[in-house]
Amino acid sequence: MAALPGEQTALIETRAGDIVTLRLNRPGQRNALTQSLLVELDATLERLAHESALKCVIIAGEGSAFCAGHDLGELERLRSASAARALFALCSRMMQRLRALPVPVLARVHGIATAAGCQLVGACDLAIAGDSARFAVSGINLGLFCSTPAVALSRNVSSKRAFDLLVTGRFIDARTACDYGLINEAVPDAELDAAVERKATEIAAKSGTALRHGKALFYRQQNLDLASAYEIAGTVMAQNLMEPDAAEGITHFLRKR
């Protein structure tokens, strides 16, 4: 959804080679997720899924925070359960697009990531945060259990830790989030951009076909029994082996050795 002349877009898309950064741009509202922003994110991710040259997507936020979750003003104006279900279904669809995107998605987290903002971190494949970042699923403090954020949170964090966060609404810092498994790395704030760029560049240096085979297989096999997981993994690895990138990489390694 393009901004009108003189209007500030709520989502900024920038490119550096085969890396795309999507930056939430509602800094005055701590990048709270409105319906229109969710629609824009959803459409953008759907479009990016068809870009064959893409290697990595970074999700970031403008201003003092990563994302404060749903826009509470918008939630307050919802007058029916059906309207609320439609909003949460839209958000859930967007979160699932992150998983369905063929390439790795990396969250760059600073400030706060609360409720659906914490869900957004959990929905990304990878996450790096500055040391001052804080995380919470704090809807319980408002009388609203963070049910949809619980889906992403419980797929990153152990059951007891996730449930504790959900029923207390307490904040954890970046180092704790790393220990819990919600993020991959916590770095000094001044080094956050460099750490994110380094990780994205490291990913982008790899074979695009291998990344796409690998991400799809990684999530597909997780909920299968061991034998089924190995069967599918073997099929995918065989397909990957037949790709030109793999043949070239193996030949280059053997000749170099």
C-alpha atoms as a PDB file:
ATOM      1  CA  MET A   1       0.000   0.000   0.000  1.00  0.00           C
ATOM      2  CA  ALA A   2       1.809   3.109  -1.235  1.00  0.00           C
ATOM      3  CA  ALA A   3       1.769   6.288   0.800  1.00  0.00           C
ATOM      4  CA  LEU A   4       0.007   9.346  -0.580  1.00  0.00           C
ATOM      5  CA  PRO A   5       2.156  12.393  -1.454  1.00  0.00           C
ATOM      6  CA  GLY A   6       3.387  13.924   1.806  1.00  0.00           C
ATOM      7  CA  GLU A   7       2.165  10.913   3.810  1.00  0.00           C
ATOM      8  CA  GLN A   8       4.611   8.768   5.745  1.00  0.00           C
ATOM      9  CA  THR A   9       4.549   5.090   4.834  1.00  0.00           C
ATOM     10  CA  ALA A  10       4.178   2.682   7.739  1.00  0.00           C
ATOM     11  CA  LEU A  11       6.585   0.206   6.130  1.00  0.00           C
ATOM     12  CA  ILE A  12       9.934   1.095   4.593  1.00  0.00           C
ATOM     13  CA  GLU A  13      11.527  -1.388   2.178  1.00  0.00           C
ATOM     14  CA  THR A  14      15.198  -1.071   1.305  1.00  0.00           C
ATOM     15  CA  ARG A  15      17.549  -3.341  -0.632  1.00  0.00           C
ATOM     16  CA  ALA A  16      21.234  -4.104  -0.544  1.00  0.00           C
ATOM     17  CA  GLY A  17      21.933  -6.649  -3.250  1.00  0.00           C
ATOM     18  CA  ASP A  18      20.011  -9.816  -2.433  1.00  0.00           C
ATOM     19  CA  ILE A  19      19.100  -8.668   1.100  1.00  0.00           C
ATOM     20  CA  VAL A  20      15.823  -6.822   1.773  1.00  0.00           C
ATOM     21  CA  THR A  21      15.110  -4.863   4.963  1.00  0.00           C
ATOM     22  CA  LEU A  22      11.516  -4.200   6.001  1.00  0.00           C
ATOM     23  CA  ARG A  23      11.389  -1.461   8.623  1.00  0.00           C
ATOM     24  CA  LEU A  24       8.248  -0.784  10.647  1.00  0.00           C
ATOM     25  CA  ASN A  25       7.786   2.982  10.525  1.00  0.00           C
ATOM     26  CA  ARG A  26       5.363   4.108  13.223  1.00  0.00           C
ATOM     27  CA  PRO A  27       7.969   5.393  15.699  1.00  0.00           C
ATOM     28  CA  GLY A  28       5.520   7.615  17.589  1.00  0.00           C
ATOM     29  CA  GLN A  29       3.453   4.519  18.400  1.00  0.00           C
ATOM     30  CA  ARG A  30       6.451   2.264  19.021  1.00  0.00           C
ATOM     31  CA  ASN A  31       5.667   0.564  15.718  1.00  0.00           C
ATOM     32  CA  ALA A  32       2.378  -0.877  16.957  1.00  0.00           C
ATOM     33  CA  LEU A  33       0.728  -3.117  14.380  1.00  0.00           C
ATOM     34  CA  THR A  34      -2.425  -1.625  12.863  1.00  0.00           C
ATOM     35  CA  GLN A  35      -4.660  -3.467  10.431  1.00  0.00           C
ATOM     36  CA  SER A  36      -3.310  -1.410   7.530  1.00  0.00           C
ATOM     37  CA  LEU A  37       0.304  -2.123   8.497  1.00  0.00           C
ATOM     38  CA  LEU A  38      -0.459  -5.845   8.771  1.00  0.00           C
ATOM     39  CA  VAL A  39      -2.059  -5.771   5.315  1.00  0.00           C
ATOM     40  CA  GLU A  40       1.021  -4.034   3.903  1.00  0.00           C
ATOM     41  CA  LEU A  41       3.400  -6.480   5.567  1.00  0.00           C
ATOM     42  CA  ASP A  42       1.363  -9.440   4.376  1.00  0.00           C
ATOM     43  CA  ALA A  43       1.281  -8.213   0.771  1.00  0.00           C
ATOM     44  CA  THR A  44       4.990  -7.354   0.796  1.00  0.00           C
ATOM     45  CA  LEU A  45       5.988 -10.777   2.106  1.00  0.00           C
ATOM     46  CA  GLU A  46       3.775 -12.466  -0.471  1.00  0.00           C
ATOM     47  CA  ARG A  47       5.500 -10.477  -3.220  1.00  0.00           C
ATOM     48  CA  LEU A  48       8.991 -11.192  -1.896  1.00  0.00           C
ATOM     49  CA  ALA A  49       8.257 -14.924  -1.832  1.00  0.00           C
ATOM     50  CA  HIS A  50       8.314 -14.890  -5.639  1.00  0.00           C
ATOM     51  CA  GLU A  51      11.699 -13.145  -5.993  1.00  0.00           C
ATOM     52  CA  SER A  52      14.134 -15.849  -7.017  1.00  0.00           C
ATOM     53  CA  ALA A  53      17.260 -13.749  -6.378  1.00  0.00           C
ATOM     54  CA  LEU A  54      16.360 -12.955  -2.755  1.00  0.00           C
ATOM     55  CA  LYS A  55      18.625 -14.463  -0.076  1.00  0.00           C
ATOM     56  CA  CYS A  56      17.602 -12.857   3.244  1.00  0.00           C
ATOM     57  CA  VAL A  57      14.954 -10.552   4.743  1.00  0.00           C
ATOM     58  CA  ILE A  58      15.568  -8.355   7.787  1.00  0.00           C
ATOM     59  CA  ILE A  59      12.662  -7.110   9.944  1.00  0.00           C
ATOM     60  CA  ALA A  60      13.450  -3.955  11.919  1.00  0.00           C
ATOM     61  CA  GLY A  61      11.743  -0.981  13.540  1.00  0.00           C
ATOM     62  CA  GLU A  62      12.192   2.794  13.376  1.00  0.00           C
ATOM     63  CA  GLY A  63      12.507   4.965  16.472  1.00  0.00           C
ATOM     64  CA  SER A  64      12.933   3.783  20.056  1.00  0.00           C
ATOM     65  CA  ALA A  65      11.308   0.346  19.789  1.00  0.00           C
ATOM     66  CA  PHE A  66      11.108  -2.747  17.637  1.00  0.00           C
ATOM     67  CA  CYS A  67       7.369  -3.322  18.019  1.00  0.00           C
ATOM     68  CA  ALA A  68       4.893  -2.772  20.859  1.00  0.00           C
ATOM     69  CA  GLY A  69       2.371  -5.302  19.545  1.00  0.00           C
ATOM     70  CA  HIS A  70      -1.139  -4.558  18.354  1.00  0.00           C
ATOM     71  CA  ASP A  71      -2.310  -0.941  18.354  1.00  0.00           C
ATOM     72  CA  LEU A  72      -4.385  -0.745  21.553  1.00  0.00           C
ATOM     73  CA  GLY A  73      -6.415   2.163  20.229  1.00  0.00           C
ATOM     74  CA  GLU A  74      -7.491   0.037  17.300  1.00  0.00           C
ATOM     75  CA  LEU A  75      -8.299  -2.904  19.589  1.00  0.00           C
ATOM     76  CA  GLU A  76     -10.420  -0.643  21.778  1.00  0.00           C
ATOM     77  CA  ARG A  77     -12.516   0.367  18.774  1.00  0.00           C
ATOM     78  CA  LEU A  78     -13.376  -3.219  17.804  1.00  0.00           C
ATOM     79  CA  ARG A  79     -17.083  -3.734  18.514  1.00  0.00           C
ATOM     80  CA  SER A  80     -17.610  -7.410  17.769  1.00  0.00           C
ATOM     81  CA  ALA A  81     -15.900 -10.749  18.242  1.00  0.00           C
ATOM     82  CA  SER A  82     -16.052 -11.328  14.474  1.00  0.00           C
ATOM     83  CA  ALA A  83     -14.146  -8.101  13.806  1.00  0.00           C
ATOM     84  CA  ALA A  84     -11.550  -9.097  16.415  1.00  0.00           C
ATOM     85  CA  ARG A  85     -11.213 -12.565  14.883  1.00  0.00           C
ATOM     86  CA  ALA A  86     -10.650 -11.016  11.459  1.00  0.00           C
ATOM     87  CA  LEU A  87      -7.870  -8.802  12.817  1.00  0.00           C
ATOM     88  CA  PHE A  88      -6.115 -11.644  14.617  1.00  0.00           C
ATOM     89  CA  ALA A  89      -6.516 -13.899  11.560  1.00  0.00           C
ATOM     90  CA  LEU A  90      -4.819 -11.231   9.450  1.00  0.00           C
ATOM     91  CA  CYS A  91      -1.962 -10.999  11.935  1.00  0.00           C
ATOM     92  CA  SER A  92      -1.636 -14.787  12.096  1.00  0.00           C
ATOM     93  CA  ARG A  93      -1.530 -15.014   8.301  1.00  0.00           C
ATOM     94  CA  MET A  94       1.251 -12.428   8.163  1.00  0.00           C
ATOM     95  CA  MET A  95       3.239 -14.276  10.856  1.00  0.00           C
ATOM     96  CA  GLN A  96       2.880 -17.519   8.899  1.00  0.00           C
ATOM     97  CA  ARG A  97       4.151 -15.803   5.748  1.00  0.00           C
ATOM     98  CA  LEU A  98       7.446 -15.266   7.573  1.00  0.00           C
ATOM     99  CA  ARG A  99       7.733 -19.015   8.025  1.00  0.00           C
ATOM    100  CA  ALA A 100       6.579 -19.690   4.455  1.00  0.00           C
ATOM    101  CA  LEU A 101       9.021 -17.198   2.941  1.00  0.00           C
ATOM    102  CA  PRO A 102      11.584 -19.367   1.103  1.00  0.00           C
ATOM    103  CA  VAL A 103      14.615 -17.547   2.558  1.00  0.00           C
ATOM    104  CA  PRO A 104      15.773 -16.836   6.124  1.00  0.00           C
ATOM    105  CA  VAL A 105      14.124 -13.949   7.985  1.00  0.00           C
ATOM    106  CA  LEU A 106      16.206 -12.124  10.590  1.00  0.00           C
ATOM    107  CA  ALA A 107      14.739  -9.841  13.275  1.00  0.00           C
ATOM    108  CA  ARG A 108      16.802  -6.804  14.315  1.00  0.00           C
ATOM    109  CA  VAL A 109      15.476  -6.032  17.792  1.00  0.00           C
ATOM    110  CA  HIS A 110      15.983  -2.886  19.847  1.00  0.00           C
ATOM    111  CA  GLY A 111      13.954  -1.219  22.572  1.00  0.00           C
ATOM    112  CA  ILE A 112      10.854  -3.247  23.381  1.00  0.00           C
ATOM    113  CA  ALA A 113       9.254  -6.225  21.664  1.00  0.00           C
ATOM    114  CA  THR A 114       5.959  -6.802  23.452  1.00  0.00           C
ATOM    115  CA  ALA A 115       2.853  -8.941  22.834  1.00  0.00           C
ATOM    116  CA  ALA A 116       2.482  -9.280  19.040  1.00  0.00           C
ATOM    117  CA  GLY A 117       5.899  -7.605  18.755  1.00  0.00           C
ATOM    118  CA  CYS A 118       7.380 -10.477  20.750  1.00  0.00           C
ATOM    119  CA  GLN A 119       5.357 -12.810  18.520  1.00  0.00           C
ATOM    120  CA  LEU A 120       7.001 -11.173  15.504  1.00  0.00           C
ATOM    121  CA  VAL A 121      10.441 -11.960  16.927  1.00  0.00           C
ATOM    122  CA  GLY A 122       9.416 -15.570  17.527  1.00  0.00           C
ATOM    123  CA  ALA A 123       7.977 -15.873  14.018  1.00  0.00           C
ATOM    124  CA  CYS A 124      11.289 -14.898  12.401  1.00  0.00           C
ATOM    125  CA  ASP A 125      13.826 -17.633  11.698  1.00  0.00           C
ATOM    126  CA  LEU A 126      16.640 -15.756  13.442  1.00  0.00           C
ATOM    127  CA  ALA A 127      16.864 -12.782  15.796  1.00  0.00           C
ATOM    128  CA  ILE A 128      19.630 -10.529  17.074  1.00  0.00           C
ATOM    129  CA  ALA A 129      18.962  -7.935  19.777  1.00  0.00           C
ATOM    130  CA  GLY A 130      20.772  -5.064  21.398  1.00  0.00           C
ATOM    131  CA  ASP A 131      21.590  -5.517  25.075  1.00  0.00           C
ATOM    132  CA  SER A 132      19.013  -2.930  26.145  1.00  0.00           C
ATOM    133  CA  ALA A 133      16.140  -4.685  24.338  1.00  0.00           C
ATOM    134  CA  ARG A 134      13.325  -6.062  26.478  1.00  0.00           C
ATOM    135  CA  PHE A 135      10.717  -8.687  25.701  1.00  0.00           C
ATOM    136  CA  ALA A 136       7.288  -9.450  27.139  1.00  0.00           C
ATOM    137  CA  VAL A 137       3.919 -10.991  26.327  1.00  0.00           C
ATOM    138  CA  SER A 138       2.219  -8.558  28.669  1.00  0.00           C
ATOM    139  CA  GLY A 139      -1.407  -8.678  27.574  1.00  0.00           C
ATOM    140  CA  ILE A 140      -2.269 -10.457  30.819  1.00  0.00           C
ATOM    141  CA  ASN A 141      -1.613  -7.173  32.632  1.00  0.00           C
ATOM    142  CA  LEU A 142      -4.547  -5.686  30.681  1.00  0.00           C
ATOM    143  CA  GLY A 143      -6.829  -8.665  31.220  1.00  0.00           C
ATOM    144  CA  LEU A 144      -6.040 -10.121  27.771  1.00  0.00           C
ATOM    145  CA  PHE A 145      -4.044 -13.343  27.583  1.00  0.00           C
ATOM    146  CA  CYS A 146      -1.583 -13.202  24.659  1.00  0.00           C
ATOM    147  CA  SER A 147      -3.055 -16.254  22.944  1.00  0.00           C
ATOM    148  CA  THR A 148      -1.733 -15.686  19.421  1.00  0.00           C
ATOM    149  CA  PRO A 149       1.726 -14.560  20.604  1.00  0.00           C
ATOM    150  CA  ALA A 150       1.777 -17.760  22.688  1.00  0.00           C
ATOM    151  CA  VAL A 151       1.896 -19.804  19.469  1.00  0.00           C
ATOM    152  CA  ALA A 152       5.193 -18.307  18.314  1.00  0.00           C
ATOM    153  CA  LEU A 153       6.622 -17.979  21.821  1.00  0.00           C
ATOM    154  CA  SER A 154       5.998 -21.631  22.732  1.00  0.00           C
ATOM    155  CA  ARG A 155       7.740 -22.746  19.536  1.00  0.00           C
ATOM    156  CA  ASN A 156      10.928 -20.953  20.582  1.00  0.00           C
ATOM    157  CA  VAL A 157      10.952 -21.176  24.365  1.00  0.00           C
ATOM    158  CA  SER A 158      10.448 -24.175  26.657  1.00  0.00           C
ATOM    159  CA  SER A 159       6.878 -24.779  27.785  1.00  0.00           C
ATOM    160  CA  LYS A 160       7.336 -23.751  31.416  1.00  0.00           C
ATOM    161  CA  ARG A 161       9.311 -20.621  30.556  1.00  0.00           C
ATOM    162  CA  ALA A 162       6.789 -19.591  27.907  1.00  0.00           C
ATOM    163  CA  PHE A 163       3.821 -20.131  30.218  1.00  0.00           C
ATOM    164  CA  ASP A 164       5.520 -18.207  33.010  1.00  0.00           C
ATOM    165  CA  LEU A 165       5.990 -15.205  30.719  1.00  0.00           C
ATOM    166  CA  LEU A 166       2.394 -15.445  29.508  1.00  0.00           C
ATOM    167  CA  VAL A 167       0.760 -15.565  32.949  1.00  0.00           C
ATOM    168  CA  THR A 168       2.989 -12.977  34.636  1.00  0.00           C
ATOM    169  CA  GLY A 169       3.456 -10.501  31.784  1.00  0.00           C
ATOM    170  CA  ARG A 170       6.957  -9.817  33.104  1.00  0.00           C
ATOM    171  CA  PHE A 171       9.757  -8.410  30.975  1.00  0.00           C
ATOM    172  CA  ILE A 172      12.986 -10.232  30.256  1.00  0.00           C
ATOM    173  CA  ASP A 173      16.172  -8.634  28.985  1.00  0.00           C
ATOM    174  CA  ALA A 174      18.071  -9.557  25.838  1.00  0.00           C
ATOM    175  CA  ARG A 175      20.557 -11.835  27.587  1.00  0.00           C
ATOM    176  CA  THR A 176      17.709 -13.784  29.199  1.00  0.00           C
ATOM    177  CA  ALA A 177      15.855 -13.944  25.865  1.00  0.00           C
ATOM    178  CA  CYS A 178      19.001 -15.443  24.350  1.00  0.00           C
ATOM    179  CA  ASP A 179      19.279 -17.976  27.165  1.00  0.00           C
ATOM    180  CA  TYR A 180      15.595 -18.872  26.716  1.00  0.00           C
ATOM    181  CA  GLY A 181      16.053 -19.408  22.963  1.00  0.00           C
ATOM    182  CA  LEU A 182      13.830 -16.547  21.790  1.00  0.00           C
ATOM    183  CA  ILE A 183      16.762 -14.821  20.078  1.00  0.00           C
ATOM    184  CA  ASN A 184      20.084 -16.060  18.707  1.00  0.00           C
ATOM    185  CA  GLU A 185      22.371 -13.353  19.970  1.00  0.00           C
ATOM    186  CA  ALA A 186      22.457 -10.321  22.276  1.00  0.00           C
ATOM    187  CA  VAL A 187      25.071  -7.702  21.438  1.00  0.00           C
ATOM    188  CA  PRO A 188      25.983  -4.228  22.734  1.00  0.00           C
ATOM    189  CA  ASP A 189      23.534  -1.673  21.341  1.00  0.00           C
ATOM    190  CA  ALA A 190      26.271   0.127  19.429  1.00  0.00           C
ATOM    191  CA  GLU A 191      27.141  -3.124  17.642  1.00  0.00           C
ATOM    192  CA  LEU A 192      23.583  -4.178  16.705  1.00  0.00           C
ATOM    193  CA  ASP A 193      23.600  -2.918  13.114  1.00  0.00           C
ATOM    194  CA  ALA A 194      27.005  -4.443  12.450  1.00  0.00           C
ATOM    195  CA  ALA A 195      25.940  -7.797  13.931  1.00  0.00           C
ATOM    196  CA  VAL A 196      22.751  -7.895  11.853  1.00  0.00           C
ATOM    197  CA  GLU A 197      24.614  -6.925   8.684  1.00  0.00           C
ATOM    198  CA  ARG A 198      27.270  -9.530   9.358  1.00  0.00           C
ATOM    199  CA  LYS A 199      24.697 -12.303   9.812  1.00  0.00           C
ATOM    200  CA  ALA A 200      22.644 -11.284   6.759  1.00  0.00           C
ATOM    201  CA  THR A 201      25.794 -11.049   4.630  1.00  0.00           C
ATOM    202  CA  GLU A 202      26.949 -14.453   5.858  1.00  0.00           C
ATOM    203  CA  ILE A 203      23.601 -15.953   4.817  1.00  0.00           C
ATOM    204  CA  ALA A 204      23.547 -14.133   1.473  1.00  0.00           C
ATOM    205  CA  ALA A 205      26.947 -15.601   0.602  1.00  0.00           C
ATOM    206  CA  LYS A 206      25.413 -19.086   0.517  1.00  0.00           C
ATOM    207  CA  SER A 207      23.663 -20.855  -2.345  1.00  0.00           C
ATOM    208  CA  GLY A 208      20.148 -19.543  -2.830  1.00  0.00           C
ATOM    209  CA  THR A 209      18.847 -22.959  -3.867  1.00  0.00           C
ATOM    210  CA  ALA A 210      20.405 -24.594  -0.809  1.00  0.00           C
ATOM    211  CA  LEU A 211      18.846 -21.958   1.465  1.00  0.00           C
ATOM    212  CA  ARG A 212      15.419 -22.550  -0.052  1.00  0.00           C
ATOM    213  CA  HIS A 213      15.646 -26.336   0.105  1.00  0.00           C
ATOM    214  CA  GLY A 214      16.986 -26.101   3.636  1.00  0.00           C
ATOM    215  CA  LYS A 215      14.451 -23.724   5.169  1.00  0.00           C
ATOM    216  CA  ALA A 216      11.490 -25.639   3.753  1.00  0.00           C
ATOM    217  CA  LEU A 217      12.875 -28.980   4.970  1.00  0.00           C
ATOM    218  CA  PHE A 218      13.891 -27.682   8.394  1.00  0.00           C
ATOM    219  CA  TYR A 219      10.344 -26.764   9.396  1.00  0.00           C
ATOM    220  CA  ARG A 220       8.630 -29.597   7.554  1.00  0.00           C
ATOM    221  CA  GLN A 221      10.537 -32.327   9.376  1.00  0.00           C
ATOM    222  CA  GLN A 222      10.171 -30.929  12.895  1.00  0.00           C
ATOM    223  CA  ASN A 223       6.782 -32.448  13.681  1.00  0.00           C
ATOM    224  CA  LEU A 224       7.348 -35.780  11.951  1.00  0.00           C
ATOM    225  CA  ASP A 225       8.406 -39.036  13.534  1.00  0.00           C
ATOM    226  CA  LEU A 226      12.105 -39.834  13.182  1.00  0.00           C
ATOM    227  CA  ALA A 227      11.803 -42.264  10.258  1.00  0.00           C
ATOM    228  CA  SER A 228       9.527 -39.943   8.265  1.00  0.00           C
ATOM    229  CA  ALA A 229      11.803 -36.986   8.955  1.00  0.00           C
ATOM    230  CA  TYR A 230      14.836 -38.850   7.639  1.00  0.00           C
ATOM    231  CA  GLU A 231      12.904 -40.073   4.589  1.00  0.00           C
ATOM    232  CA  ILE A 232      11.869 -36.551   3.606  1.00  0.00           C
ATOM    233  CA  ALA A 233      15.290 -35.125   4.464  1.00  0.00           C
ATOM    234  CA  GLY A 234      16.985 -37.677   2.234  1.00  0.00           C
ATOM    235  CA  THR A 235      14.693 -36.836  -0.672  1.00  0.00           C
ATOM    236  CA  VAL A 236      15.297 -33.102  -0.278  1.00  0.00           C
ATOM    237  CA  MET A 237      19.055 -33.575   0.054  1.00  0.00           C
ATOM    238  CA  ALA A 238      19.118 -35.671  -3.118  1.00  0.00           C
ATOM    239  CA  GLN A 239      17.201 -32.973  -4.978  1.00  0.00           C
ATOM    240  CA  ASN A 240      19.581 -30.343  -3.620  1.00  0.00           C
ATOM    241  CA  LEU A 241      22.587 -32.423  -4.690  1.00  0.00           C
ATOM    242  CA  MET A 242      21.345 -32.320  -8.289  1.00  0.00           C
ATOM    243  CA  GLU A 243      21.253 -28.510  -8.301  1.00  0.00           C
ATOM    244  CA  PRO A 244      24.020 -26.697 -10.256  1.00  0.00           C
ATOM    245  CA  ASP A 245      25.115 -24.776  -7.142  1.00  0.00           C
ATOM    246  CA  ALA A 246      25.857 -27.992  -5.248  1.00  0.00           C
ATOM    247  CA  ALA A 247      27.676 -29.596  -8.174  1.00  0.00           C
ATOM    248  CA  GLU A 248      29.813 -26.490  -8.645  1.00  0.00           C
ATOM    249  CA  GLY A 249      30.531 -26.159  -4.924  1.00  0.00           C
ATOM    250  CA  ILE A 250      31.615 -29.772  -4.522  1.00  0.00           C
ATOM    251  CA  THR A 251      33.795 -29.681  -7.648  1.00  0.00           C
ATOM    252  CA  HIS A 252      35.441 -26.448  -6.505  1.00  0.00           C
ATOM    253  CA  PHE A 253      36.142 -27.910  -3.040  1.00  0.00           C
ATOM    254  CA  LEU A 254      37.682 -31.095  -4.457  1.00  0.00           C
ATOM    255  CA  ARG A 255      39.901 -29.219  -6.884  1.00  0.00           C
ATOM    256  CA  LYS A 256      40.992 -26.780  -4.210  1.00  0.00           C
ATOM    257  CA  ARG A 257      41.885 -29.623  -1.850  1.00  0.00           C
END
